[in-house]
PDB file of N, CA and C in Angstrom:
ATOM      1  N   UNK A   1       7.158  -3.849  -1.256  1.00  0.00           N
ATOM      2  CA  UNK A   1       7.650  -2.693  -0.531  1.00  0.00           C
ATOM      3  C   UNK A   1       9.162  -2.604  -0.668  1.00  0.00           C
ATOM      4  N   UNK A   2       9.648  -1.389  -0.736  1.00  0.00           N
ATOM      5  CA  UNK A   2      11.083  -1.173  -0.887  1.00  0.00           C
ATOM      6  C   UNK A   2      11.831  -1.274   0.435  1.00  0.00           C
ATOM      7  N   UNK A   3      11.193  -0.845   1.531  1.00  0.00           N
ATOM      8  CA  UNK A   3      11.935  -0.667   2.775  1.00  0.00           C
ATOM      9  C   UNK A   3      11.484  -1.536   3.944  1.00  0.00           C
ATOM     10  N   UNK A   4      10.379  -2.224   3.815  1.00  0.00           N
ATOM     11  CA  UNK A   4       9.832  -2.982   4.938  1.00  0.00           C
ATOM     12  C   UNK A   4       9.539  -4.421   4.562  1.00  0.00           C
ATOM     13  N   UNK A   5       9.502  -5.272   5.586  1.00  0.00           N
ATOM     14  CA  UNK A   5       8.987  -6.636   5.470  1.00  0.00           C
ATOM     15  C   UNK A   5       7.724  -6.671   6.316  1.00  0.00           C
ATOM     16  N   UNK A   6       6.714  -7.418   5.885  1.00  0.00           N
ATOM     17  CA  UNK A   6       5.465  -7.431   6.649  1.00  0.00           C
ATOM     18  C   UNK A   6       5.682  -7.921   8.075  1.00  0.00           C
ATOM     19  N   UNK A   7       6.693  -8.734   8.312  1.00  0.00           N
ATOM     20  CA  UNK A   7       6.968  -9.230   9.662  1.00  0.00           C
ATOM     21  C   UNK A   7       7.278  -8.098  10.643  1.00  0.00           C
ATOM     22  N   UNK A   8       7.767  -6.964  10.143  1.00  0.00           N
ATOM     23  CA  UNK A   8       8.047  -5.820  11.019  1.00  0.00           C
ATOM     24  C   UNK A   8       6.772  -5.269  11.650  1.00  0.00           C
ATOM     25  N   UNK A   9       5.619  -5.625  11.093  1.00  0.00           N
ATOM     26  CA  UNK A   9       4.342  -5.110  11.568  1.00  0.00           C
ATOM     27  C   UNK A   9       3.566  -6.149  12.375  1.00  0.00           C
ATOM     28  N   UNK A  10       4.173  -7.313  12.633  1.00  0.00           N
ATOM     29  CA  UNK A  10       3.501  -8.379  13.382  1.00  0.00           C
ATOM     30  C   UNK A  10       3.164  -7.933  14.802  1.00  0.00           C
ATOM     31  N   UNK A  11       1.978  -8.332  15.275  1.00  0.00           N
ATOM     32  CA  UNK A  11       1.668  -8.222  16.699  1.00  0.00           C
ATOM     33  C   UNK A  11       2.583  -9.216  17.414  1.00  0.00           C
ATOM     34  N   UNK A  12       3.179  -8.847  18.556  1.00  0.00           N
ATOM     35  CA  UNK A  12       4.126  -9.743  19.215  1.00  0.00           C
ATOM     36  C   UNK A  12       3.553 -11.115  19.578  1.00  0.00           C
ATOM     37  N   UNK A  13       2.240 -11.186  19.734  1.00  0.00           N
ATOM     38  CA  UNK A  13       1.614 -12.451  20.114  1.00  0.00           C
ATOM     39  C   UNK A  13       1.076 -13.244  18.930  1.00  0.00           C
ATOM     40  N   UNK A  14       1.346 -12.775  17.707  1.00  0.00           N
ATOM     41  CA  UNK A  14       0.799 -13.453  16.528  1.00  0.00           C
ATOM     42  C   UNK A  14       1.758 -13.354  15.342  1.00  0.00           C
ATOM     43  N   UNK A  15       2.768 -14.222  15.289  1.00  0.00           N
ATOM     44  CA  UNK A  15       3.688 -14.218  14.158  1.00  0.00           C
ATOM     45  C   UNK A  15       2.915 -14.317  12.827  1.00  0.00           C
ATOM     46  N   UNK A  16       3.330 -13.510  11.866  1.00  0.00           N
ATOM     47  CA  UNK A  16       2.682 -13.509  10.562  1.00  0.00           C
ATOM     48  C   UNK A  16       1.515 -12.551  10.457  1.00  0.00           C
ATOM     49  N   UNK A  17       1.136 -11.919  11.561  1.00  0.00           N
ATOM     50  CA  UNK A  17      -0.039 -11.032  11.557  1.00  0.00           C
ATOM     51  C   UNK A  17       0.203  -9.715  10.831  1.00  0.00           C
ATOM     52  N   UNK A  18       1.445  -9.406  10.503  1.00  0.00           N
ATOM     53  CA  UNK A  18       1.720  -8.214   9.701  1.00  0.00           C
ATOM     54  C   UNK A  18       1.032  -8.285   8.351  1.00  0.00           C
ATOM     55  N   UNK A  19       0.654  -9.482   7.934  1.00  0.00           N
ATOM     56  CA  UNK A  19      -0.074  -9.663   6.672  1.00  0.00           C
ATOM     57  C   UNK A  19      -1.457  -9.026   6.724  1.00  0.00           C
ATOM     58  N   UNK A  20      -1.943  -8.707   7.934  1.00  0.00           N
ATOM     59  CA  UNK A  20      -3.253  -8.058   8.077  1.00  0.00           C
ATOM     60  C   UNK A  20      -3.186  -6.541   7.915  1.00  0.00           C
ATOM     61  N   UNK A  21      -1.996  -6.015   7.712  1.00  0.00           N
ATOM     62  CA  UNK A  21      -1.873  -4.571   7.521  1.00  0.00           C
ATOM     63  C   UNK A  21      -2.584  -4.149   6.233  1.00  0.00           C
ATOM     64  N   UNK A  22      -3.197  -2.982   6.281  1.00  0.00           N
ATOM     65  CA  UNK A  22      -3.863  -2.409   5.117  1.00  0.00           C
ATOM     66  C   UNK A  22      -2.821  -2.115   4.042  1.00  0.00           C
ATOM     67  N   UNK A  23      -3.062  -2.565   2.837  1.00  0.00           N
ATOM     68  CA  UNK A  23      -2.079  -2.422   1.749  1.00  0.00           C
ATOM     69  C   UNK A  23      -1.821  -0.956   1.398  1.00  0.00           C
ATOM     70  N   UNK A  24      -2.872  -0.131   1.371  1.00  0.00           N
ATOM     71  CA  UNK A  24      -2.661   1.290   1.072  1.00  0.00           C
ATOM     72  C   UNK A  24      -1.822   1.951   2.163  1.00  0.00           C
ATOM     73  N   UNK A  25      -2.073   1.585   3.417  1.00  0.00           N
ATOM     74  CA  UNK A  25      -1.268   2.118   4.509  1.00  0.00           C
ATOM     75  C   UNK A  25       0.203   1.788   4.277  1.00  0.00           C
ATOM     76  N   UNK A  26       0.493   0.521   3.973  1.00  0.00           N
ATOM     77  CA  UNK A  26       1.879   0.112   3.762  1.00  0.00           C
ATOM     78  C   UNK A  26       2.519   0.846   2.588  1.00  0.00           C
ATOM     79  N   UNK A  27       1.755   1.048   1.520  1.00  0.00           N
ATOM     80  CA  UNK A  27       2.276   1.786   0.364  1.00  0.00           C
ATOM     81  C   UNK A  27       2.649   3.212   0.788  1.00  0.00           C
ATOM     82  N   UNK A  28       1.736   3.865   1.526  1.00  0.00           N
ATOM     83  CA  UNK A  28       1.995   5.244   1.969  1.00  0.00           C
ATOM     84  C   UNK A  28       3.207   5.307   2.899  1.00  0.00           C
ATOM     85  N   UNK A  29       3.324   4.346   3.815  1.00  0.00           N
ATOM     86  CA  UNK A  29       4.441   4.356   4.751  1.00  0.00           C
ATOM     87  C   UNK A  29       5.762   4.089   4.031  1.00  0.00           C
ATOM     88  N   UNK A  30       5.736   3.199   3.056  1.00  0.00           N
ATOM     89  CA  UNK A  30       6.937   2.931   2.270  1.00  0.00           C
ATOM     90  C   UNK A  30       7.363   4.195   1.517  1.00  0.00           C
ATOM     91  N   UNK A  31       6.395   4.923   1.000  1.00  0.00           N
ATOM     92  CA  UNK A  31       6.694   6.186   0.304  1.00  0.00           C
ATOM     93  C   UNK A  31       7.258   7.218   1.289  1.00  0.00           C
ATOM     94  N   UNK A  32       6.678   7.293   2.487  1.00  0.00           N
ATOM     95  CA  UNK A  32       7.180   8.233   3.496  1.00  0.00           C
ATOM     96  C   UNK A  32       8.630   7.904   3.858  1.00  0.00           C
ATOM     97  N   UNK A  33       8.932   6.625   3.989  1.00  0.00           N
ATOM     98  CA  UNK A  33      10.308   6.205   4.297  1.00  0.00           C
ATOM     99  C   UNK A  33      11.252   6.632   3.180  1.00  0.00           C
ATOM    100  N   UNK A  34      10.812   6.495   1.943  1.00  0.00           N
ATOM    101  CA  UNK A  34      11.618   6.914   0.798  1.00  0.00           C
ATOM    102  C   UNK A  34      11.877   8.426   0.841  1.00  0.00           C
ATOM    103  N   UNK A  35      10.830   9.181   1.100  1.00  0.00           N
ATOM    104  CA  UNK A  35      10.948  10.644   1.162  1.00  0.00           C
ATOM    105  C   UNK A  35      11.890  11.066   2.286  1.00  0.00           C
ATOM    106  N   UNK A  36      11.750  10.432   3.456  1.00  0.00           N
ATOM    107  CA  UNK A  36      12.548  10.823   4.623  1.00  0.00           C
ATOM    108  C   UNK A  36      14.036  10.548   4.432  1.00  0.00           C
ATOM    109  N   UNK A  37      14.352   9.472   3.745  1.00  0.00           N
ATOM    110  CA  UNK A  37      15.759   9.131   3.537  1.00  0.00           C
ATOM    111  C   UNK A  37      16.454   8.634   4.793  1.00  0.00           C
ATOM    112  N   UNK A  38      15.667   8.241   5.798  1.00  0.00           N
ATOM    113  CA  UNK A  38      16.230   7.674   7.030  1.00  0.00           C
ATOM    114  C   UNK A  38      15.440   6.405   7.352  1.00  0.00           C
ATOM    115  N   UNK A  39      16.077   5.452   8.015  1.00  0.00           N
ATOM    116  CA  UNK A  39      15.350   4.223   8.366  1.00  0.00           C
ATOM    117  C   UNK A  39      14.174   4.506   9.304  1.00  0.00           C
ATOM    118  N   UNK A  40      13.098   3.744   9.155  1.00  0.00           N
ATOM    119  CA  UNK A  40      11.953   3.784  10.057  1.00  0.00           C
ATOM    120  C   UNK A  40      11.957   2.462  10.829  1.00  0.00           C
ATOM    121  N   UNK A  41      12.122   2.543  12.146  1.00  0.00           N
ATOM    122  CA  UNK A  41      12.012   1.349  12.990  1.00  0.00           C
ATOM    123  C   UNK A  41      10.575   1.289  13.503  1.00  0.00           C
ATOM    124  N   UNK A  42       9.876   0.215  13.183  1.00  0.00           N
ATOM    125  CA  UNK A  42       8.479   0.061  13.576  1.00  0.00           C
ATOM    126  C   UNK A  42       8.414  -0.491  14.999  1.00  0.00           C
ATOM    127  N   UNK A  43       7.871   0.307  15.909  1.00  0.00           N
ATOM    128  CA  UNK A  43       7.668  -0.143  17.294  1.00  0.00           C
ATOM    129  C   UNK A  43       6.403  -0.975  17.418  1.00  0.00           C
ATOM    130  N   UNK A  44       5.383  -0.608  16.660  1.00  0.00           N
ATOM    131  CA  UNK A  44       4.097  -1.294  16.749  1.00  0.00           C
ATOM    132  C   UNK A  44       3.359  -1.110  15.432  1.00  0.00           C
ATOM    133  N   UNK A  45       2.858  -2.209  14.907  1.00  0.00           N
ATOM    134  CA  UNK A  45       2.056  -2.167  13.682  1.00  0.00           C
ATOM    135  C   UNK A  45       0.697  -2.764  13.977  1.00  0.00           C
ATOM    136  N   UNK A  46       0.417  -3.910  13.377  1.00  0.00           N
ATOM    137  CA  UNK A  46      -0.844  -4.586  13.643  1.00  0.00           C
ATOM    138  C   UNK A  46      -0.852  -5.069  15.095  1.00  0.00           C
ATOM    139  N   UNK A  47      -2.014  -4.964  15.741  1.00  0.00           N
ATOM    140  CA  UNK A  47      -2.164  -5.486  17.101  1.00  0.00           C
ATOM    141  C   UNK A  47      -3.390  -6.390  17.176  1.00  0.00           C
ATOM    142  N   UNK A  48      -3.211  -7.545  17.795  1.00  0.00           N
ATOM    143  CA  UNK A  48      -4.378  -8.359  18.105  1.00  0.00           C
ATOM    144  C   UNK A  48      -5.120  -7.664  19.243  1.00  0.00           C
ATOM    145  N   UNK A  49      -6.376  -7.997  19.397  1.00  0.00           N
ATOM    146  CA  UNK A  49      -7.159  -7.414  20.482  1.00  0.00           C
ATOM    147  C   UNK A  49      -6.525  -7.755  21.835  1.00  0.00           C
ATOM    148  N   UNK A  50      -6.058  -8.998  21.980  1.00  0.00           N
ATOM    149  CA  UNK A  50      -5.440  -9.420  23.236  1.00  0.00           C
ATOM    150  C   UNK A  50      -4.186  -8.610  23.551  1.00  0.00           C
ATOM    151  N   UNK A  51      -3.340  -8.393  22.557  1.00  0.00           N
ATOM    152  CA  UNK A  51      -2.120  -7.618  22.780  1.00  0.00           C
ATOM    153  C   UNK A  51      -2.459  -6.169  23.099  1.00  0.00           C
ATOM    154  N   UNK A  52      -3.429  -5.616  22.385  1.00  0.00           N
ATOM    155  CA  UNK A  52      -3.836  -4.230  22.611  1.00  0.00           C
ATOM    156  C   UNK A  52      -4.355  -4.052  24.047  1.00  0.00           C
ATOM    157  N   UNK A  53      -5.180  -4.982  24.488  1.00  0.00           N
ATOM    158  CA  UNK A  53      -5.711  -4.913  25.854  1.00  0.00           C
ATOM    159  C   UNK A  53      -4.603  -5.078  26.890  1.00  0.00           C
ATOM    160  N   UNK A  54      -3.643  -5.938  26.607  1.00  0.00           N
ATOM    161  CA  UNK A  54      -2.510  -6.125  27.521  1.00  0.00           C
ATOM    162  C   UNK A  54      -1.688  -4.842  27.655  1.00  0.00           C
ATOM    163  N   UNK A  55      -1.509  -4.116  26.551  1.00  0.00           N
ATOM    164  CA  UNK A  55      -0.790  -2.841  26.616  1.00  0.00           C
ATOM    165  C   UNK A  55      -1.506  -1.869  27.546  1.00  0.00           C
ATOM    166  N   UNK A  56      -2.832  -1.800  27.423  1.00  0.00           N
ATOM    167  CA  UNK A  56      -3.614  -0.926  28.293  1.00  0.00           C
ATOM    168  C   UNK A  56      -3.466  -1.307  29.756  1.00  0.00           C
ATOM    169  N   UNK A  57      -3.467  -2.596  30.046  1.00  0.00           N
ATOM    170  CA  UNK A  57      -3.316  -3.065  31.430  1.00  0.00           C
ATOM    171  C   UNK A  57      -1.932  -2.758  31.988  1.00  0.00           C
ATOM    172  N   UNK A  58      -0.944  -2.660  31.096  1.00  0.00           N
ATOM    173  CA  UNK A  58       0.419  -2.331  31.532  1.00  0.00           C
ATOM    174  C   UNK A  58       0.630  -0.825  31.667  1.00  0.00           C
ATOM    175  N   UNK A  59      -0.426  -0.039  31.419  1.00  0.00           N
ATOM    176  CA  UNK A  59      -0.332   1.404  31.624  1.00  0.00           C
ATOM    177  C   UNK A  59      -0.114   2.230  30.381  1.00  0.00           C
ATOM    178  N   UNK A  60      -0.023   1.604  29.222  1.00  0.00           N
ATOM    179  CA  UNK A  60       0.129   2.368  27.990  1.00  0.00           C
ATOM    180  C   UNK A  60      -1.211   3.005  27.625  1.00  0.00           C
ATOM    181  N   UNK A  61      -1.145   4.199  27.074  1.00  0.00           N
ATOM    182  CA  UNK A  61      -2.359   4.894  26.647  1.00  0.00           C
ATOM    183  C   UNK A  61      -2.791   4.293  25.307  1.00  0.00           C
ATOM    184  N   UNK A  62      -3.913   3.583  25.303  1.00  0.00           N
ATOM    185  CA  UNK A  62      -4.406   2.949  24.087  1.00  0.00           C
ATOM    186  C   UNK A  62      -5.836   3.388  23.821  1.00  0.00           C
ATOM    187  N   UNK A  63      -6.168   3.581  22.568  1.00  0.00           N
ATOM    188  CA  UNK A  63      -7.525   3.955  22.179  1.00  0.00           C
ATOM    189  C   UNK A  63      -8.375   2.701  22.039  1.00  0.00           C
ATOM    190  N   UNK A  64      -9.605   2.776  22.492  1.00  0.00           N
ATOM    191  CA  UNK A  64     -10.505   1.625  22.428  1.00  0.00           C
ATOM    192  C   UNK A  64     -10.661   1.116  20.996  1.00  0.00           C
ATOM    193  N   UNK A  65     -10.788   2.022  20.058  1.00  0.00           N
ATOM    194  CA  UNK A  65     -10.964   1.646  18.647  1.00  0.00           C
ATOM    195  C   UNK A  65      -9.717   1.999  17.835  1.00  0.00           C
ATOM    196  N   UNK A  66      -8.566   1.606  18.332  1.00  0.00           N
ATOM    197  CA  UNK A  66      -7.278   1.927  17.724  1.00  0.00           C
ATOM    198  C   UNK A  66      -7.176   1.447  16.275  1.00  0.00           C
ATOM    199  N   UNK A  67      -6.565   2.281  15.457  1.00  0.00           N
ATOM    200  CA  UNK A  67      -6.306   1.916  14.066  1.00  0.00           C
ATOM    201  C   UNK A  67      -5.300   0.767  13.958  1.00  0.00           C
ATOM    202  N   UNK A  68      -4.556   0.491  15.020  1.00  0.00           N
ATOM    203  CA  UNK A  68      -3.647  -0.661  15.027  1.00  0.00           C
ATOM    204  C   UNK A  68      -4.427  -1.971  14.901  1.00  0.00           C
ATOM    205  N   UNK A  69      -5.634  -1.995  15.427  1.00  0.00           N
ATOM    206  CA  UNK A  69      -6.446  -3.223  15.428  1.00  0.00           C
ATOM    207  C   UNK A  69      -6.935  -3.613  14.035  1.00  0.00           C
ATOM    208  N   UNK A  70      -6.947  -2.651  13.126  1.00  0.00           N
ATOM    209  CA  UNK A  70      -7.401  -2.931  11.762  1.00  0.00           C
ATOM    210  C   UNK A  70      -6.263  -2.873  10.744  1.00  0.00           C
ATOM    211  N   UNK A  71      -5.035  -2.693  11.222  1.00  0.00           N
ATOM    212  CA  UNK A  71      -3.894  -2.657  10.313  1.00  0.00           C
ATOM    213  C   UNK A  71      -3.735  -1.345   9.573  1.00  0.00           C
ATOM    214  N   UNK A  72      -4.287  -0.276  10.131  1.00  0.00           N
ATOM    215  CA  UNK A  72      -4.205   1.045   9.505  1.00  0.00           C
ATOM    216  C   UNK A  72      -3.229   1.979  10.223  1.00  0.00           C
ATOM    217  N   UNK A  73      -2.359   1.455  11.097  1.00  0.00           N
ATOM    218  CA  UNK A  73      -1.494   2.333  11.893  1.00  0.00           C
ATOM    219  C   UNK A  73      -0.150   1.696  12.183  1.00  0.00           C
ATOM    220  N   UNK A  74       0.803   2.577  12.470  1.00  0.00           N
ATOM    221  CA  UNK A  74       2.114   2.137  12.949  1.00  0.00           C
ATOM    222  C   UNK A  74       2.686   3.214  13.855  1.00  0.00           C
ATOM    223  N   UNK A  75       3.479   2.766  14.823  1.00  0.00           N
ATOM    224  CA  UNK A  75       4.265   3.662  15.654  1.00  0.00           C
ATOM    225  C   UNK A  75       5.711   3.502  15.209  1.00  0.00           C
ATOM    226  N   UNK A  76       6.341   4.609  14.899  1.00  0.00           N
ATOM    227  CA  UNK A  76       7.703   4.620  14.367  1.00  0.00           C
ATOM    228  C   UNK A  76       8.629   5.232  15.411  1.00  0.00           C
ATOM    229  N   UNK A  77       9.722   4.555  15.722  1.00  0.00           N
ATOM    230  CA  UNK A  77      10.678   5.080  16.698  1.00  0.00           C
ATOM    231  C   UNK A  77      11.226   6.420  16.225  1.00  0.00           C
ATOM    232  N   UNK A  78      11.263   7.378  17.152  1.00  0.00           N
ATOM    233  CA  UNK A  78      11.787   8.716  16.851  1.00  0.00           C
ATOM    234  C   UNK A  78      12.542   9.195  18.097  1.00  0.00           C
ATOM    235  N   UNK A  79      13.768   8.709  18.288  1.00  0.00           N
ATOM    236  CA  UNK A  79      14.486   8.965  19.531  1.00  0.00           C
ATOM    237  C   UNK A  79      15.070  10.372  19.687  1.00  0.00           C
ATOM    238  N   UNK A  80      15.002  11.193  18.640  1.00  0.00           N
ATOM    239  CA  UNK A  80      15.520  12.551  18.774  1.00  0.00           C
ATOM    240  C   UNK A  80      14.728  13.511  17.880  1.00  0.00           C
ATOM    241  N   UNK A  81      14.947  14.790  18.088  1.00  0.00           N
ATOM    242  CA  UNK A  81      14.150  15.809  17.392  1.00  0.00           C
ATOM    243  C   UNK A  81      14.395  15.822  15.883  1.00  0.00           C
ATOM    244  N   UNK A  82      15.592  15.520  15.469  1.00  0.00           N
ATOM    245  CA  UNK A  82      15.897  15.537  14.033  1.00  0.00           C
ATOM    246  C   UNK A  82      15.133  14.422  13.319  1.00  0.00           C
ATOM    247  N   UNK A  83      15.175  13.212  13.866  1.00  0.00           N
ATOM    248  CA  UNK A  83      14.412  12.108  13.269  1.00  0.00           C
ATOM    249  C   UNK A  83      12.908  12.366  13.361  1.00  0.00           C
ATOM    250  N   UNK A  84      12.467  12.898  14.490  1.00  0.00           N
ATOM    251  CA  UNK A  84      11.038  13.193  14.665  1.00  0.00           C
ATOM    252  C   UNK A  84      10.555  14.125  13.557  1.00  0.00           C
ATOM    253  N   UNK A  85      11.309  15.175  13.283  1.00  0.00           N
ATOM    254  CA  UNK A  85      10.925  16.113  12.236  1.00  0.00           C
ATOM    255  C   UNK A  85      10.946  15.435  10.866  1.00  0.00           C
ATOM    256  N   UNK A  86      11.995  14.686  10.563  1.00  0.00           N
ATOM    257  CA  UNK A  86      12.109  14.023   9.255  1.00  0.00           C
ATOM    258  C   UNK A  86      10.946  13.063   9.029  1.00  0.00           C
ATOM    259  N   UNK A  87      10.571  12.313  10.060  1.00  0.00           N
ATOM    260  CA  UNK A  87       9.478  11.342   9.932  1.00  0.00           C
ATOM    261  C   UNK A  87       8.150  12.049   9.730  1.00  0.00           C
ATOM    262  N   UNK A  88       7.869  13.056  10.551  1.00  0.00           N
ATOM    263  CA  UNK A  88       6.591  13.772  10.426  1.00  0.00           C
ATOM    264  C   UNK A  88       6.487  14.456   9.064  1.00  0.00           C
ATOM    265  N   UNK A  89       7.536  15.145   8.655  1.00  0.00           N
ATOM    266  CA  UNK A  89       7.504  15.849   7.368  1.00  0.00           C
ATOM    267  C   UNK A  89       7.282  14.869   6.216  1.00  0.00           C
ATOM    268  N   UNK A  90       7.966  13.736   6.250  1.00  0.00           N
ATOM    269  CA  UNK A  90       7.826  12.747   5.176  1.00  0.00           C
ATOM    270  C   UNK A  90       6.434  12.122   5.180  1.00  0.00           C
ATOM    271  N   UNK A  91       5.895  11.867   6.342  1.00  0.00           N
ATOM    272  CA  UNK A  91       4.550  11.275   6.423  1.00  0.00           C
ATOM    273  C   UNK A  91       3.503  12.226   5.856  1.00  0.00           C
ATOM    274  N   UNK A  92       3.642  13.493   6.150  1.00  0.00           N
ATOM    275  CA  UNK A  92       2.707  14.483   5.582  1.00  0.00           C
ATOM    276  C   UNK A  92       2.848  14.520   4.064  1.00  0.00           C
ATOM    277  N   UNK A  93       4.077  14.552   3.568  1.00  0.00           N
ATOM    278  CA  UNK A  93       4.288  14.577   2.111  1.00  0.00           C
ATOM    279  C   UNK A  93       3.751  13.322   1.432  1.00  0.00           C
ATOM    280  N   UNK A  94       3.780  12.191   2.145  1.00  0.00           N
ATOM    281  CA  UNK A  94       3.285  10.926   1.580  1.00  0.00           C
ATOM    282  C   UNK A  94       1.764  10.825   1.635  1.00  0.00           C
ATOM    283  N   UNK A  95       1.112  11.777   2.296  1.00  0.00           N
ATOM    284  CA  UNK A  95      -0.351  11.804   2.309  1.00  0.00           C
ATOM    285  C   UNK A  95      -1.016  11.472   3.628  1.00  0.00           C
ATOM    286  N   UNK A  96      -0.230  11.192   4.669  1.00  0.00           N
ATOM    287  CA  UNK A  96      -0.851  10.928   5.971  1.00  0.00           C
ATOM    288  C   UNK A  96      -1.405  12.235   6.539  1.00  0.00           C
ATOM    289  N   UNK A  97      -2.589  12.158   7.108  1.00  0.00           N
ATOM    290  CA  UNK A  97      -3.167  13.347   7.733  1.00  0.00           C
ATOM    291  C   UNK A  97      -3.709  13.034   9.131  1.00  0.00           C
ATOM    292  N   UNK A  98      -3.213  11.953   9.701  1.00  0.00           N
ATOM    293  CA  UNK A  98      -3.501  11.606  11.103  1.00  0.00           C
ATOM    294  C   UNK A  98      -2.166  11.214  11.744  1.00  0.00           C
ATOM    295  N   UNK A  99      -1.646  12.088  12.601  1.00  0.00           N
ATOM    296  CA  UNK A  99      -0.315  11.893  13.165  1.00  0.00           C
ATOM    297  C   UNK A  99      -0.333  12.194  14.656  1.00  0.00           C
ATOM    298  N   UNK A 100       0.232  11.284  15.431  1.00  0.00           N
ATOM    299  CA  UNK A 100       0.415  11.494  16.862  1.00  0.00           C
ATOM    300  C   UNK A 100       1.894  11.620  17.159  1.00  0.00           C
ATOM    301  N   UNK A 101       2.253  12.598  17.970  1.00  0.00           N
ATOM    302  CA  UNK A 101       3.658  12.852  18.265  1.00  0.00           C
ATOM    303  C   UNK A 101       3.919  12.609  19.750  1.00  0.00           C
ATOM    304  N   UNK A 102       4.832  11.706  20.022  1.00  0.00           N
ATOM    305  CA  UNK A 102       5.237  11.401  21.392  1.00  0.00           C
ATOM    306  C   UNK A 102       6.724  11.709  21.540  1.00  0.00           C
ATOM    307  N   UNK A 103       7.215  11.608  22.741  1.00  0.00           N
ATOM    308  CA  UNK A 103       8.624  11.899  22.985  1.00  0.00           C
ATOM    309  C   UNK A 103       9.577  10.949  22.300  1.00  0.00           C
ATOM    310  N   UNK A 104       9.141   9.690  22.093  1.00  0.00           N
ATOM    311  CA  UNK A 104      10.053   8.695  21.527  1.00  0.00           C
ATOM    312  C   UNK A 104       9.515   8.000  20.277  1.00  0.00           C
ATOM    313  N   UNK A 105       8.321   8.358  19.841  1.00  0.00           N
ATOM    314  CA  UNK A 105       7.778   7.733  18.642  1.00  0.00           C
ATOM    315  C   UNK A 105       6.780   8.656  17.942  1.00  0.00           C
ATOM    316  N   UNK A 106       6.515   8.320  16.681  1.00  0.00           N
ATOM    317  CA  UNK A 106       5.495   8.977  15.876  1.00  0.00           C
ATOM    318  C   UNK A 106       4.456   7.930  15.504  1.00  0.00           C
ATOM    319  N   UNK A 107       3.196   8.234  15.749  1.00  0.00           N
ATOM    320  CA  UNK A 107       2.087   7.376  15.318  1.00  0.00           C
ATOM    321  C   UNK A 107       1.551   7.959  14.019  1.00  0.00           C
ATOM    322  N   UNK A 108       1.362   7.103  13.014  1.00  0.00           N
ATOM    323  CA  UNK A 108       0.684   7.524  11.786  1.00  0.00           C
ATOM    324  C   UNK A 108      -0.393   6.509  11.468  1.00  0.00           C
ATOM    325  N   UNK A 109      -1.512   7.005  10.942  1.00  0.00           N
ATOM    326  CA  UNK A 109      -2.540   6.078  10.487  1.00  0.00           C
ATOM    327  C   UNK A 109      -3.349   6.691   9.363  1.00  0.00           C
ATOM    328  N   UNK A 110      -4.033   5.820   8.644  1.00  0.00           N
ATOM    329  CA  UNK A 110      -4.930   6.254   7.568  1.00  0.00           C
ATOM    330  C   UNK A 110      -6.301   5.590   7.740  1.00  0.00           C
ATOM    331  N   UNK A 111      -6.722   5.473   8.984  1.00  0.00           N
ATOM    332  CA  UNK A 111      -7.998   4.823   9.297  1.00  0.00           C
ATOM    333  C   UNK A 111      -9.145   5.608   8.661  1.00  0.00           C
ATOM    334  N   UNK A 112      -9.871   5.003   7.720  1.00  0.00           N
ATOM    335  CA  UNK A 112     -10.934   5.738   7.022  1.00  0.00           C
ATOM    336  C   UNK A 112     -12.126   6.090   7.910  1.00  0.00           C
ATOM    337  N   UNK A 113     -12.222   5.500   9.089  1.00  0.00           N
ATOM    338  CA  UNK A 113     -13.336   5.782   9.980  1.00  0.00           C
ATOM    339  C   UNK A 113     -13.050   6.856  11.009  1.00  0.00           C
ATOM    340  N   UNK A 114     -11.905   7.511  10.882  1.00  0.00           N
ATOM    341  CA  UNK A 114     -11.517   8.517  11.876  1.00  0.00           C
ATOM    342  C   UNK A 114     -11.383   9.900  11.228  1.00  0.00           C
ATOM    343  N   UNK A 115     -11.486  10.962  12.035  1.00  0.00           N
ATOM    344  CA  UNK A 115     -11.356  12.329  11.488  1.00  0.00           C
ATOM    345  C   UNK A 115     -10.006  12.540  10.809  1.00  0.00           C
ATOM    346  N   UNK A 116     -10.021  13.307   9.741  1.00  0.00           N
ATOM    347  CA  UNK A 116      -8.788  13.616   9.008  1.00  0.00           C
ATOM    348  C   UNK A 116      -8.203  14.942   9.484  1.00  0.00           C
ATOM    349  N   UNK A 117      -7.010  15.255   8.948  1.00  0.00           N
ATOM    350  CA  UNK A 117      -6.328  16.522   9.243  1.00  0.00           C
ATOM    351  C   UNK A 117      -6.185  16.747  10.738  1.00  0.00           C
ATOM    352  N   UNK A 118      -5.573  15.767  11.407  1.00  0.00           N
ATOM    353  CA  UNK A 118      -5.464  15.768  12.856  1.00  0.00           C
ATOM    354  C   UNK A 118      -4.033  15.443  13.280  1.00  0.00           C
ATOM    355  N   UNK A 119      -3.502  16.258  14.164  1.00  0.00           N
ATOM    356  CA  UNK A 119      -2.220  15.969  14.815  1.00  0.00           C
ATOM    357  C   UNK A 119      -2.447  16.103  16.312  1.00  0.00           C
ATOM    358  N   UNK A 120      -1.938  15.131  17.066  1.00  0.00           N
ATOM    359  CA  UNK A 120      -2.090  15.190  18.516  1.00  0.00           C
ATOM    360  C   UNK A 120      -0.761  14.843  19.161  1.00  0.00           C
ATOM    361  N   UNK A 121      -0.651  15.150  20.440  1.00  0.00           N
ATOM    362  CA  UNK A 121       0.552  14.819  21.215  1.00  0.00           C
ATOM    363  C   UNK A 121       0.171  13.875  22.345  1.00  0.00           C
ATOM    364  N   UNK A 122       1.121  13.056  22.747  1.00  0.00           N
ATOM    365  CA  UNK A 122       0.913  12.120  23.845  1.00  0.00           C
ATOM    366  C   UNK A 122       1.511  12.679  25.103  1.00  0.00           C
TER     367      UNK A 122
END
């Protein structure tokens, strides 16, 4: 990858778990970062089941069958509207067709078991 280290995708409770990320996902995200021309800060990549459940208990909105659990997703920090637009536009150009938009982050995934051509808001 040109722009990322797999450690950026580690679940906080499992050092080295970024290695479980789907390789095609990482390729697409690296391409999106190249297209955007701005850094992508990864807030969340791979998640262990324990970490995912802990997030839910802390009040975060988590999907039962989250693409984070299989290494097919990442949440990218997007602290302002300009970065939010650049990230979303680049992800679409790189081939992502599952995007969640929140006030402070963008979720992208390529989970093959989920509906395509979907954008949602948090």
